[in-house]
Amino acid sequence: MSHRFLVVDDNPDNLIALTAQMRDCFPDCAIFEADTGLKALSIAHEHTPDLILLDILMPGMDGFETCRRLKADPLTGNIPIIFLTALRDSREMKLEAMKAGADAFLTKPADNAEITAVMLKVQKAAMAATDDLRSAENQLAFRNRELEESNKGLMDTIARLRAENESLKRREAELLKALAALGAQEP
């Protein structure tokens, strides 16, 4: 299975280096590049990558806002995002990244082994979450079918009871009519 990755960085040299690292780690992968947050959103919609490597400092929309928008969108919300930034890893940056929805945070330069390990860990977690979601969806679909069948049975019972009620009303009317006719015949 060929992986699809989106690498987002406003520095062309970083894009070249990251693309080379990705191809070294995953030779058969497809790599999409974006140098702005807006381009990243567009590419993510068009190609639905398996994972996004995202820089923080970019012109226009920074990485945090790009991440928030990706995570808020139903089409891209489940794509794992790894922040990969030259900013020295400060506690505040990491917290902001996680609040934005990031799955991991790395600082440049990161070696191939570190990037690969984090990517595999994040992808494994995303696949497990997807499997859990599919399982929950299957359980929900099964429960919905059960409820639909139960509802159909209940509606059939209500229809039968209404028919019986109408039949009893007709019989009651016939009996009242017969009683009235008997009462009229008495001297």
N, C-alpha and C. Protein backbone atom coordinates (compact mmCIF):
# COMPACT_ATOMS: atom_id res chain seq x y z
N MET A 1 0.85 -1.17 0.00
CA MET A 1 0.00 0.00 0.00
C MET A 1 0.90 1.24 0.00
N SER A 2 0.66 2.11 -0.93
CA SER A 2 1.46 3.33 -1.05
C SER A 2 0.87 4.41 -0.14
N HIS A 3 1.73 5.05 0.61
CA HIS A 3 1.31 6.11 1.51
C HIS A 3 1.20 7.43 0.74
N ARG A 4 0.30 8.29 1.22
CA ARG A 4 0.16 9.64 0.67
C ARG A 4 0.43 10.63 1.81
N PHE A 5 1.44 11.48 1.61
CA PHE A 5 1.81 12.44 2.64
C PHE A 5 1.71 13.86 2.10
N LEU A 6 1.34 14.76 2.98
CA LEU A 6 1.35 16.18 2.65
C LEU A 6 2.38 16.86 3.54
N VAL A 7 3.34 17.53 2.91
CA VAL A 7 4.38 18.26 3.62
C VAL A 7 4.11 19.74 3.43
N VAL A 8 3.98 20.47 4.55
CA VAL A 8 3.63 21.89 4.49
C VAL A 8 4.73 22.70 5.16
N ASP A 9 5.40 23.53 4.35
CA ASP A 9 6.47 24.38 4.87
C ASP A 9 6.68 25.51 3.87
N ASP A 10 6.84 26.73 4.36
CA ASP A 10 7.01 27.88 3.47
C ASP A 10 8.43 28.02 2.94
N ASN A 11 9.38 27.25 3.48
CA ASN A 11 10.77 27.33 3.04
C ASN A 11 11.01 26.25 1.98
N PRO A 12 11.34 26.64 0.74
CA PRO A 12 11.56 25.65 -0.33
C PRO A 12 12.65 24.64 0.00
N ASP A 13 13.71 25.08 0.68
CA ASP A 13 14.78 24.16 1.05
C ASP A 13 14.27 23.09 2.02
N ASN A 14 13.43 23.50 2.95
CA ASN A 14 12.85 22.53 3.89
C ASN A 14 11.94 21.54 3.17
N LEU A 15 11.17 22.02 2.19
CA LEU A 15 10.31 21.11 1.42
C LEU A 15 11.15 20.07 0.68
N ILE A 16 12.24 20.52 0.08
CA ILE A 16 13.12 19.58 -0.64
C ILE A 16 13.72 18.56 0.34
N ALA A 17 14.21 19.04 1.47
CA ALA A 17 14.84 18.14 2.45
C ALA A 17 13.82 17.17 3.03
N LEU A 18 12.64 17.65 3.39
CA LEU A 18 11.61 16.78 3.97
C LEU A 18 11.12 15.76 2.94
N THR A 19 10.94 16.21 1.71
CA THR A 19 10.51 15.29 0.65
C THR A 19 11.55 14.18 0.46
N ALA A 20 12.82 14.55 0.46
CA ALA A 20 13.89 13.55 0.33
C ALA A 20 13.88 12.58 1.50
N GLN A 21 13.69 13.11 2.72
CA GLN A 21 13.62 12.24 3.90
C GLN A 21 12.43 11.29 3.79
N MET A 22 11.27 11.81 3.35
CA MET A 22 10.08 10.98 3.24
C MET A 22 10.29 9.86 2.22
N ARG A 23 10.88 10.22 1.09
CA ARG A 23 11.13 9.20 0.05
C ARG A 23 12.14 8.16 0.53
N ASP A 24 13.10 8.58 1.36
CA ASP A 24 14.07 7.65 1.93
C ASP A 24 13.38 6.68 2.88
N CYS A 25 12.47 7.20 3.69
CA CYS A 25 11.77 6.37 4.68
C CYS A 25 10.67 5.51 4.04
N PHE A 26 9.98 6.10 3.06
CA PHE A 26 8.84 5.43 2.41
C PHE A 26 9.01 5.56 0.90
N PRO A 27 9.81 4.67 0.28
CA PRO A 27 10.17 4.83 -1.13
C PRO A 27 8.99 4.90 -2.10
N ASP A 28 7.90 4.22 -1.81
CA ASP A 28 6.77 4.18 -2.74
C ASP A 28 5.69 5.20 -2.42
N CYS A 29 5.99 6.16 -1.57
CA CYS A 29 4.96 7.11 -1.15
C CYS A 29 4.69 8.19 -2.20
N ALA A 30 3.51 8.75 -2.11
CA ALA A 30 3.16 9.94 -2.90
C ALA A 30 3.27 11.13 -1.96
N ILE A 31 3.99 12.14 -2.38
CA ILE A 31 4.19 13.31 -1.52
C ILE A 31 3.61 14.54 -2.21
N PHE A 32 2.78 15.25 -1.46
CA PHE A 32 2.21 16.50 -1.93
C PHE A 32 2.85 17.61 -1.09
N GLU A 33 3.14 18.72 -1.74
CA GLU A 33 3.81 19.82 -1.05
C GLU A 33 2.94 21.06 -1.08
N ALA A 34 2.98 21.81 0.02
CA ALA A 34 2.30 23.11 0.09
C ALA A 34 3.20 24.07 0.84
N ASP A 35 3.20 25.33 0.38
CA ASP A 35 4.04 26.32 1.05
C ASP A 35 3.21 27.34 1.84
N THR A 36 1.89 27.13 1.88
CA THR A 36 1.01 27.97 2.70
C THR A 36 -0.09 27.11 3.31
N GLY A 37 -0.71 27.64 4.35
CA GLY A 37 -1.82 26.93 4.98
C GLY A 37 -2.99 26.75 4.04
N LEU A 38 -3.31 27.79 3.25
CA LEU A 38 -4.44 27.69 2.31
C LEU A 38 -4.20 26.61 1.26
N LYS A 39 -2.97 26.54 0.74
CA LYS A 39 -2.65 25.48 -0.23
C LYS A 39 -2.76 24.11 0.44
N ALA A 40 -2.35 24.02 1.69
CA ALA A 40 -2.44 22.75 2.41
C ALA A 40 -3.89 22.30 2.54
N LEU A 41 -4.78 23.23 2.86
CA LEU A 41 -6.21 22.88 2.97
C LEU A 41 -6.74 22.37 1.64
N SER A 42 -6.38 23.05 0.57
CA SER A 42 -6.84 22.65 -0.76
C SER A 42 -6.31 21.27 -1.15
N ILE A 43 -5.03 21.05 -0.95
CA ILE A 43 -4.41 19.76 -1.30
C ILE A 43 -5.00 18.63 -0.43
N ALA A 44 -5.20 18.90 0.84
CA ALA A 44 -5.78 17.88 1.73
C ALA A 44 -7.17 17.48 1.26
N HIS A 45 -7.94 18.44 0.79
CA HIS A 45 -9.28 18.13 0.27
C HIS A 45 -9.21 17.32 -1.02
N GLU A 46 -8.28 17.69 -1.87
CA GLU A 46 -8.18 17.04 -3.17
C GLU A 46 -7.60 15.64 -3.10
N HIS A 47 -6.60 15.43 -2.23
CA HIS A 47 -5.86 14.16 -2.23
C HIS A 47 -6.03 13.31 -0.98
N THR A 48 -6.64 13.82 0.06
CA THR A 48 -6.84 13.12 1.33
C THR A 48 -5.59 12.32 1.74
N PRO A 49 -4.56 13.00 2.16
CA PRO A 49 -3.33 12.30 2.54
C PRO A 49 -3.54 11.42 3.78
N ASP A 50 -2.61 10.49 3.95
CA ASP A 50 -2.65 9.61 5.12
C ASP A 50 -2.07 10.30 6.35
N LEU A 51 -1.24 11.32 6.11
CA LEU A 51 -0.56 12.01 7.21
C LEU A 51 -0.08 13.36 6.71
N ILE A 52 -0.05 14.36 7.60
CA ILE A 52 0.39 15.69 7.24
C ILE A 52 1.53 16.10 8.17
N LEU A 53 2.66 16.55 7.57
CA LEU A 53 3.75 17.17 8.31
C LEU A 53 3.58 18.66 8.13
N LEU A 54 3.46 19.40 9.23
CA LEU A 54 3.05 20.79 9.17
C LEU A 54 4.00 21.70 9.94
N ASP A 55 4.48 22.75 9.26
CA ASP A 55 5.31 23.77 9.89
C ASP A 55 4.40 24.73 10.67
N ILE A 56 4.97 25.47 11.61
CA ILE A 56 4.17 26.42 12.39
C ILE A 56 4.19 27.81 11.75
N LEU A 57 5.39 28.35 11.53
CA LEU A 57 5.49 29.72 11.02
C LEU A 57 5.42 29.74 9.51
N MET A 58 4.31 30.31 9.00
CA MET A 58 4.11 30.45 7.56
C MET A 58 3.40 31.77 7.32
N PRO A 59 3.57 32.35 6.14
CA PRO A 59 2.87 33.61 5.85
C PRO A 59 1.36 33.36 5.74
N GLY A 60 0.60 34.38 6.10
CA GLY A 60 -0.86 34.25 6.02
C GLY A 60 -1.38 33.45 7.19
N MET A 61 -1.70 32.22 6.95
CA MET A 61 -2.26 31.34 7.97
C MET A 61 -1.14 30.48 8.57
N ASP A 62 -0.96 30.57 9.88
CA ASP A 62 0.10 29.77 10.50
C ASP A 62 -0.33 28.31 10.63
N GLY A 63 0.60 27.48 11.07
CA GLY A 63 0.33 26.05 11.19
C GLY A 63 -0.76 25.72 12.20
N PHE A 64 -0.85 26.49 13.27
CA PHE A 64 -1.89 26.22 14.28
C PHE A 64 -3.28 26.39 13.67
N GLU A 65 -3.49 27.50 12.94
CA GLU A 65 -4.80 27.74 12.33
C GLU A 65 -5.08 26.71 11.23
N THR A 66 -4.05 26.38 10.47
CA THR A 66 -4.21 25.34 9.43
C THR A 66 -4.65 24.03 10.07
N CYS A 67 -4.00 23.66 11.16
CA CYS A 67 -4.34 22.42 11.86
C CYS A 67 -5.78 22.47 12.38
N ARG A 68 -6.16 23.60 13.00
CA ARG A 68 -7.53 23.72 13.51
C ARG A 68 -8.55 23.54 12.40
N ARG A 69 -8.29 24.16 11.26
CA ARG A 69 -9.24 24.06 10.14
C ARG A 69 -9.30 22.63 9.58
N LEU A 70 -8.15 22.00 9.47
CA LEU A 70 -8.13 20.62 8.99
C LEU A 70 -8.91 19.70 9.93
N LYS A 71 -8.69 19.87 11.23
CA LYS A 71 -9.34 19.01 12.22
C LYS A 71 -10.83 19.30 12.33
N ALA A 72 -11.26 20.53 12.02
CA ALA A 72 -12.69 20.89 12.12
C ALA A 72 -13.48 20.40 10.91
N ASP A 73 -12.81 20.05 9.84
CA ASP A 73 -13.47 19.65 8.60
C ASP A 73 -13.73 18.14 8.62
N PRO A 74 -14.96 17.71 8.40
CA PRO A 74 -15.26 16.26 8.42
C PRO A 74 -14.43 15.45 7.40
N LEU A 75 -14.08 16.07 6.29
CA LEU A 75 -13.31 15.35 5.26
C LEU A 75 -11.87 15.12 5.68
N THR A 76 -11.29 16.05 6.44
CA THR A 76 -9.87 15.97 6.79
C THR A 76 -9.62 15.81 8.29
N GLY A 77 -10.68 15.80 9.07
CA GLY A 77 -10.54 15.79 10.53
C GLY A 77 -9.83 14.59 11.11
N ASN A 78 -9.83 13.47 10.41
CA ASN A 78 -9.19 12.26 10.95
C ASN A 78 -7.77 12.05 10.44
N ILE A 79 -7.27 12.96 9.62
CA ILE A 79 -5.91 12.83 9.10
C ILE A 79 -4.93 13.19 10.22
N PRO A 80 -4.00 12.31 10.54
CA PRO A 80 -3.00 12.63 11.57
C PRO A 80 -2.11 13.79 11.12
N ILE A 81 -1.81 14.68 12.07
CA ILE A 81 -0.97 15.84 11.79
C ILE A 81 0.21 15.85 12.76
N ILE A 82 1.40 15.96 12.17
CA ILE A 82 2.62 16.07 12.97
C ILE A 82 3.21 17.45 12.72
N PHE A 83 3.33 18.24 13.77
CA PHE A 83 4.02 19.52 13.63
C PHE A 83 5.51 19.23 13.56
N LEU A 84 6.15 19.84 12.58
CA LEU A 84 7.59 19.71 12.39
C LEU A 84 8.12 21.13 12.18
N THR A 85 8.76 21.66 13.20
CA THR A 85 9.12 23.07 13.18
C THR A 85 10.56 23.30 13.61
N ALA A 86 11.13 24.40 13.11
CA ALA A 86 12.48 24.79 13.50
C ALA A 86 12.48 25.53 14.84
N LEU A 87 11.31 25.94 15.29
CA LEU A 87 11.22 26.61 16.59
C LEU A 87 11.64 25.62 17.66
N ARG A 88 12.48 26.05 18.54
CA ARG A 88 12.90 25.15 19.62
C ARG A 88 11.69 24.75 20.42
N ASP A 89 11.62 23.47 20.71
CA ASP A 89 10.42 22.94 21.35
C ASP A 89 10.21 23.53 22.74
N SER A 90 9.33 24.48 22.76
CA SER A 90 8.95 25.06 24.04
C SER A 90 7.64 24.42 24.47
N ARG A 91 7.44 24.44 25.73
CA ARG A 91 6.22 23.85 26.30
C ARG A 91 4.98 24.52 25.72
N GLU A 92 5.02 25.84 25.57
CA GLU A 92 3.86 26.59 25.07
C GLU A 92 3.52 26.19 23.63
N MET A 93 4.55 26.05 22.79
CA MET A 93 4.33 25.66 21.39
C MET A 93 3.70 24.27 21.31
N LYS A 94 4.23 23.36 22.10
CA LYS A 94 3.68 22.00 22.09
C LYS A 94 2.22 22.00 22.56
N LEU A 95 1.95 22.75 23.62
CA LEU A 95 0.57 22.83 24.11
C LEU A 95 -0.35 23.43 23.06
N GLU A 96 0.09 24.50 22.42
CA GLU A 96 -0.72 25.13 21.37
C GLU A 96 -0.96 24.15 20.23
N ALA A 97 0.06 23.38 19.86
CA ALA A 97 -0.07 22.39 18.79
C ALA A 97 -1.10 21.33 19.16
N MET A 98 -1.03 20.85 20.37
CA MET A 98 -1.97 19.81 20.80
C MET A 98 -3.40 20.37 20.90
N LYS A 99 -3.53 21.61 21.37
CA LYS A 99 -4.85 22.25 21.42
C LYS A 99 -5.43 22.40 20.02
N ALA A 100 -4.57 22.64 19.05
CA ALA A 100 -5.02 22.80 17.67
C ALA A 100 -5.44 21.47 17.05
N GLY A 101 -5.01 20.35 17.68
CA GLY A 101 -5.41 19.03 17.19
C GLY A 101 -4.28 18.17 16.69
N ALA A 102 -3.04 18.61 16.87
CA ALA A 102 -1.89 17.84 16.39
C ALA A 102 -1.79 16.50 17.09
N ASP A 103 -1.22 15.54 16.38
CA ASP A 103 -1.02 14.21 16.94
C ASP A 103 0.39 14.03 17.48
N ALA A 104 1.32 14.89 17.02
CA ALA A 104 2.71 14.82 17.49
C ALA A 104 3.40 16.14 17.18
N PHE A 105 4.58 16.31 17.80
CA PHE A 105 5.34 17.55 17.66
C PHE A 105 6.82 17.20 17.59
N LEU A 106 7.47 17.57 16.48
CA LEU A 106 8.90 17.33 16.30
C LEU A 106 9.60 18.65 15.97
N THR A 107 10.89 18.72 16.29
CA THR A 107 11.65 19.90 15.91
C THR A 107 12.68 19.53 14.84
N LYS A 108 12.92 20.50 13.95
CA LYS A 108 13.91 20.32 12.89
C LYS A 108 15.28 20.71 13.44
N PRO A 109 16.30 20.10 12.98
CA PRO A 109 16.28 18.98 12.04
C PRO A 109 15.98 17.67 12.79
N ALA A 110 15.07 16.92 12.26
CA ALA A 110 14.75 15.61 12.83
C ALA A 110 15.34 14.55 11.90
N ASP A 111 15.92 13.54 12.49
CA ASP A 111 16.52 12.51 11.62
C ASP A 111 15.46 11.56 11.11
N ASN A 112 15.81 10.80 10.09
CA ASN A 112 14.87 9.88 9.44
C ASN A 112 14.25 8.89 10.42
N ALA A 113 15.08 8.37 11.31
CA ALA A 113 14.58 7.37 12.25
C ALA A 113 13.51 7.98 13.16
N GLU A 114 13.75 9.19 13.64
CA GLU A 114 12.79 9.85 14.52
C GLU A 114 11.49 10.16 13.78
N ILE A 115 11.61 10.71 12.58
CA ILE A 115 10.42 11.02 11.79
C ILE A 115 9.63 9.75 11.49
N THR A 116 10.34 8.72 11.03
CA THR A 116 9.68 7.46 10.70
C THR A 116 8.99 6.86 11.91
N ALA A 117 9.67 6.83 13.05
CA ALA A 117 9.09 6.25 14.26
C ALA A 117 7.82 7.00 14.67
N VAL A 118 7.88 8.32 14.65
CA VAL A 118 6.71 9.11 15.05
C VAL A 118 5.58 8.93 14.04
N MET A 119 5.92 8.94 12.75
CA MET A 119 4.89 8.76 11.72
C MET A 119 4.20 7.41 11.87
N LEU A 120 4.98 6.36 12.06
CA LEU A 120 4.39 5.03 12.21
C LEU A 120 3.53 4.94 13.47
N LYS A 121 4.00 5.55 14.55
CA LYS A 121 3.23 5.55 15.79
C LYS A 121 1.91 6.30 15.61
N VAL A 122 1.96 7.46 14.99
CA VAL A 122 0.76 8.27 14.78
C VAL A 122 -0.20 7.56 13.83
N GLN A 123 0.34 6.98 12.75
CA GLN A 123 -0.52 6.26 11.81
C GLN A 123 -1.17 5.05 12.47
N LYS A 124 -0.42 4.34 13.29
CA LYS A 124 -0.96 3.18 13.99
C LYS A 124 -2.11 3.61 14.91
N ALA A 125 -1.91 4.69 15.63
CA ALA A 125 -2.96 5.20 16.52
C ALA A 125 -4.18 5.64 15.72
N ALA A 126 -3.94 6.28 14.57
CA ALA A 126 -5.05 6.72 13.72
C ALA A 126 -5.82 5.53 13.16
N MET A 127 -5.08 4.49 12.76
CA MET A 127 -5.75 3.28 12.24
C MET A 127 -6.56 2.61 13.34
N ALA A 128 -6.02 2.56 14.55
CA ALA A 128 -6.76 1.96 15.66
C ALA A 128 -8.03 2.76 15.96
N ALA A 129 -7.90 4.08 15.92
CA ALA A 129 -9.07 4.94 16.15
C ALA A 129 -10.10 4.74 15.04
N THR A 130 -9.63 4.61 13.81
CA THR A 130 -10.53 4.37 12.68
C THR A 130 -11.22 3.02 12.83
N ASP A 131 -10.47 2.00 13.24
CA ASP A 131 -11.07 0.68 13.47
C ASP A 131 -12.12 0.75 14.57
N ASP A 132 -11.81 1.47 15.65
CA ASP A 132 -12.78 1.64 16.74
C ASP A 132 -14.03 2.34 16.24
N LEU A 133 -13.84 3.37 15.42
CA LEU A 133 -14.97 4.11 14.87
C LEU A 133 -15.81 3.21 13.98
N ARG A 134 -15.16 2.43 13.12
CA ARG A 134 -15.91 1.50 12.25
C ARG A 134 -16.69 0.48 13.08
N SER A 135 -16.05 -0.02 14.12
CA SER A 135 -16.72 -0.98 14.99
C SER A 135 -17.94 -0.34 15.64
N ALA A 136 -17.78 0.87 16.14
CA ALA A 136 -18.91 1.57 16.76
C ALA A 136 -20.00 1.85 15.73
N GLU A 137 -19.61 2.22 14.50
CA GLU A 137 -20.60 2.45 13.45
C GLU A 137 -21.35 1.17 13.11
N ASN A 138 -20.62 0.04 13.06
CA ASN A 138 -21.27 -1.24 12.78
C ASN A 138 -22.25 -1.62 13.89
N GLN A 139 -21.83 -1.40 15.14
CA GLN A 139 -22.73 -1.69 16.26
C GLN A 139 -23.95 -0.79 16.21
N LEU A 140 -23.75 0.46 15.87
CA LEU A 140 -24.87 1.39 15.76
C LEU A 140 -25.80 0.99 14.63
N ALA A 141 -25.25 0.59 13.49
CA ALA A 141 -26.08 0.15 12.36
C ALA A 141 -26.87 -1.10 12.74
N PHE A 142 -26.23 -2.04 13.45
CA PHE A 142 -26.93 -3.24 13.90
C PHE A 142 -28.07 -2.88 14.84
N ARG A 143 -27.78 -1.99 15.80
CA ARG A 143 -28.80 -1.56 16.77
C ARG A 143 -29.93 -0.81 16.07
N ASN A 144 -29.60 -0.01 15.05
CA ASN A 144 -30.64 0.69 14.29
C ASN A 144 -31.55 -0.30 13.56
N ARG A 145 -30.95 -1.36 12.99
CA ARG A 145 -31.77 -2.38 12.32
C ARG A 145 -32.69 -3.06 13.33
N GLU A 146 -32.14 -3.37 14.51
CA GLU A 146 -32.97 -3.97 15.56
C GLU A 146 -34.13 -3.06 15.93
N LEU A 147 -33.84 -1.78 16.10
CA LEU A 147 -34.88 -0.82 16.47
C LEU A 147 -35.91 -0.66 15.35
N GLU A 148 -35.45 -0.65 14.09
CA GLU A 148 -36.37 -0.56 12.96
C GLU A 148 -37.30 -1.77 12.93
N GLU A 149 -36.74 -2.96 13.16
CA GLU A 149 -37.56 -4.17 13.19
C GLU A 149 -38.55 -4.13 14.36
N SER A 150 -38.07 -3.70 15.50
CA SER A 150 -38.94 -3.57 16.67
C SER A 150 -40.03 -2.54 16.41
N ASN A 151 -39.65 -1.43 15.80
CA ASN A 151 -40.62 -0.38 15.47
C ASN A 151 -41.66 -0.89 14.48
N LYS A 152 -41.21 -1.67 13.49
CA LYS A 152 -42.14 -2.23 12.52
C LYS A 152 -43.12 -3.16 13.22
N GLY A 153 -42.58 -3.99 14.13
CA GLY A 153 -43.45 -4.89 14.89
C GLY A 153 -44.45 -4.11 15.73
N LEU A 154 -44.00 -3.04 16.34
CA LEU A 154 -44.89 -2.20 17.15
C LEU A 154 -45.95 -1.54 16.28
N MET A 155 -45.58 -1.05 15.12
CA MET A 155 -46.54 -0.43 14.21
C MET A 155 -47.56 -1.46 13.72
N ASP A 156 -47.10 -2.68 13.45
CA ASP A 156 -48.01 -3.75 13.04
C ASP A 156 -49.00 -4.06 14.17
N THR A 157 -48.51 -4.10 15.40
CA THR A 157 -49.37 -4.35 16.57
C THR A 157 -50.39 -3.23 16.72
N ILE A 158 -49.96 -1.99 16.57
CA ILE A 158 -50.88 -0.85 16.68
C ILE A 158 -51.95 -0.94 15.59
N ALA A 159 -51.56 -1.27 14.37
CA ALA A 159 -52.53 -1.39 13.27
C ALA A 159 -53.52 -2.51 13.56
N ARG A 160 -53.02 -3.65 14.09
CA ARG A 160 -53.91 -4.77 14.42
C ARG A 160 -54.89 -4.37 15.53
N LEU A 161 -54.38 -3.67 16.57
CA LEU A 161 -55.24 -3.23 17.67
C LEU A 161 -56.28 -2.23 17.20
N ARG A 162 -55.93 -1.35 16.30
CA ARG A 162 -56.91 -0.39 15.75
C ARG A 162 -58.00 -1.13 14.98
N ALA A 163 -57.58 -2.13 14.19
CA ALA A 163 -58.57 -2.91 13.43
C ALA A 163 -59.50 -3.65 14.39
N GLU A 164 -58.93 -4.24 15.45
CA GLU A 164 -59.75 -4.94 16.44
C GLU A 164 -60.69 -3.96 17.14
N ASN A 165 -60.20 -2.78 17.47
CA ASN A 165 -61.01 -1.76 18.12
C ASN A 165 -62.18 -1.35 17.22
N GLU A 166 -61.91 -1.14 15.93
CA GLU A 166 -62.97 -0.80 14.98
C GLU A 166 -64.00 -1.93 14.89
N SER A 167 -63.52 -3.16 14.89
CA SER A 167 -64.42 -4.32 14.83
C SER A 167 -65.29 -4.38 16.08
N LEU A 168 -64.70 -4.12 17.26
CA LEU A 168 -65.47 -4.12 18.51
C LEU A 168 -66.49 -3.00 18.52
N LYS A 169 -66.11 -1.84 17.98
CA LYS A 169 -67.07 -0.72 17.91
C LYS A 169 -68.25 -1.07 17.01
N ARG A 170 -67.98 -1.74 15.89
CA ARG A 170 -69.07 -2.15 14.99
C ARG A 170 -69.98 -3.17 15.69
N ARG A 171 -69.37 -4.12 16.38
CA ARG A 171 -70.18 -5.14 17.10
C ARG A 171 -71.00 -4.48 18.20
N GLU A 172 -70.37 -3.52 18.93
CA GLU A 172 -71.10 -2.80 19.98
C GLU A 172 -72.29 -2.05 19.39
N ALA A 173 -72.06 -1.40 18.24
CA ALA A 173 -73.14 -0.67 17.59
C ALA A 173 -74.24 -1.63 17.16
N GLU A 174 -73.84 -2.79 16.63
CA GLU A 174 -74.84 -3.79 16.22
C GLU A 174 -75.62 -4.31 17.42
N LEU A 175 -74.93 -4.57 18.54
CA LEU A 175 -75.61 -5.05 19.75
C LEU A 175 -76.56 -4.00 20.30
N LEU A 176 -76.14 -2.74 20.33
CA LEU A 176 -77.01 -1.66 20.81
C LEU A 176 -78.24 -1.54 19.92
N LYS A 177 -78.03 -1.70 18.63
CA LYS A 177 -79.14 -1.64 17.68
C LYS A 177 -80.10 -2.80 17.92
N ALA A 178 -79.50 -3.99 18.15
CA ALA A 178 -80.34 -5.17 18.40
C ALA A 178 -81.11 -5.02 19.70
N LEU A 179 -80.47 -4.49 20.75
CA LEU A 179 -81.14 -4.25 22.04
C LEU A 179 -82.24 -3.23 21.87
N ALA A 180 -81.96 -2.20 21.13
CA ALA A 180 -82.99 -1.18 20.90
C ALA A 180 -84.16 -1.78 20.15
N ALA A 181 -83.89 -2.66 19.23
CA ALA A 181 -84.98 -3.29 18.46
C ALA A 181 -85.77 -4.21 19.37
N LEU A 182 -85.12 -4.93 20.29
CA LEU A 182 -85.83 -5.80 21.24
C LEU A 182 -86.70 -4.99 22.18
N GLY A 183 -86.14 -3.84 22.64
CA GLY A 183 -86.89 -2.97 23.54
C GLY A 183 -88.09 -2.39 22.86
N ALA A 184 -88.06 -2.15 21.61
CA ALA A 184 -89.18 -1.58 20.87
C ALA A 184 -90.25 -2.62 20.63
N GLN A 185 -89.91 -3.90 20.64
CA GLN A 185 -90.86 -4.98 20.37
C GLN A 185 -91.63 -5.36 21.61
N GLU A 186 -91.18 -5.03 22.79
CA GLU A 186 -91.86 -5.43 24.01
C GLU A 186 -93.13 -4.62 24.16
N PRO A 187 -94.24 -5.30 24.63
CA PRO A 187 -95.52 -4.60 24.80
C PRO A 187 -95.57 -3.73 26.01
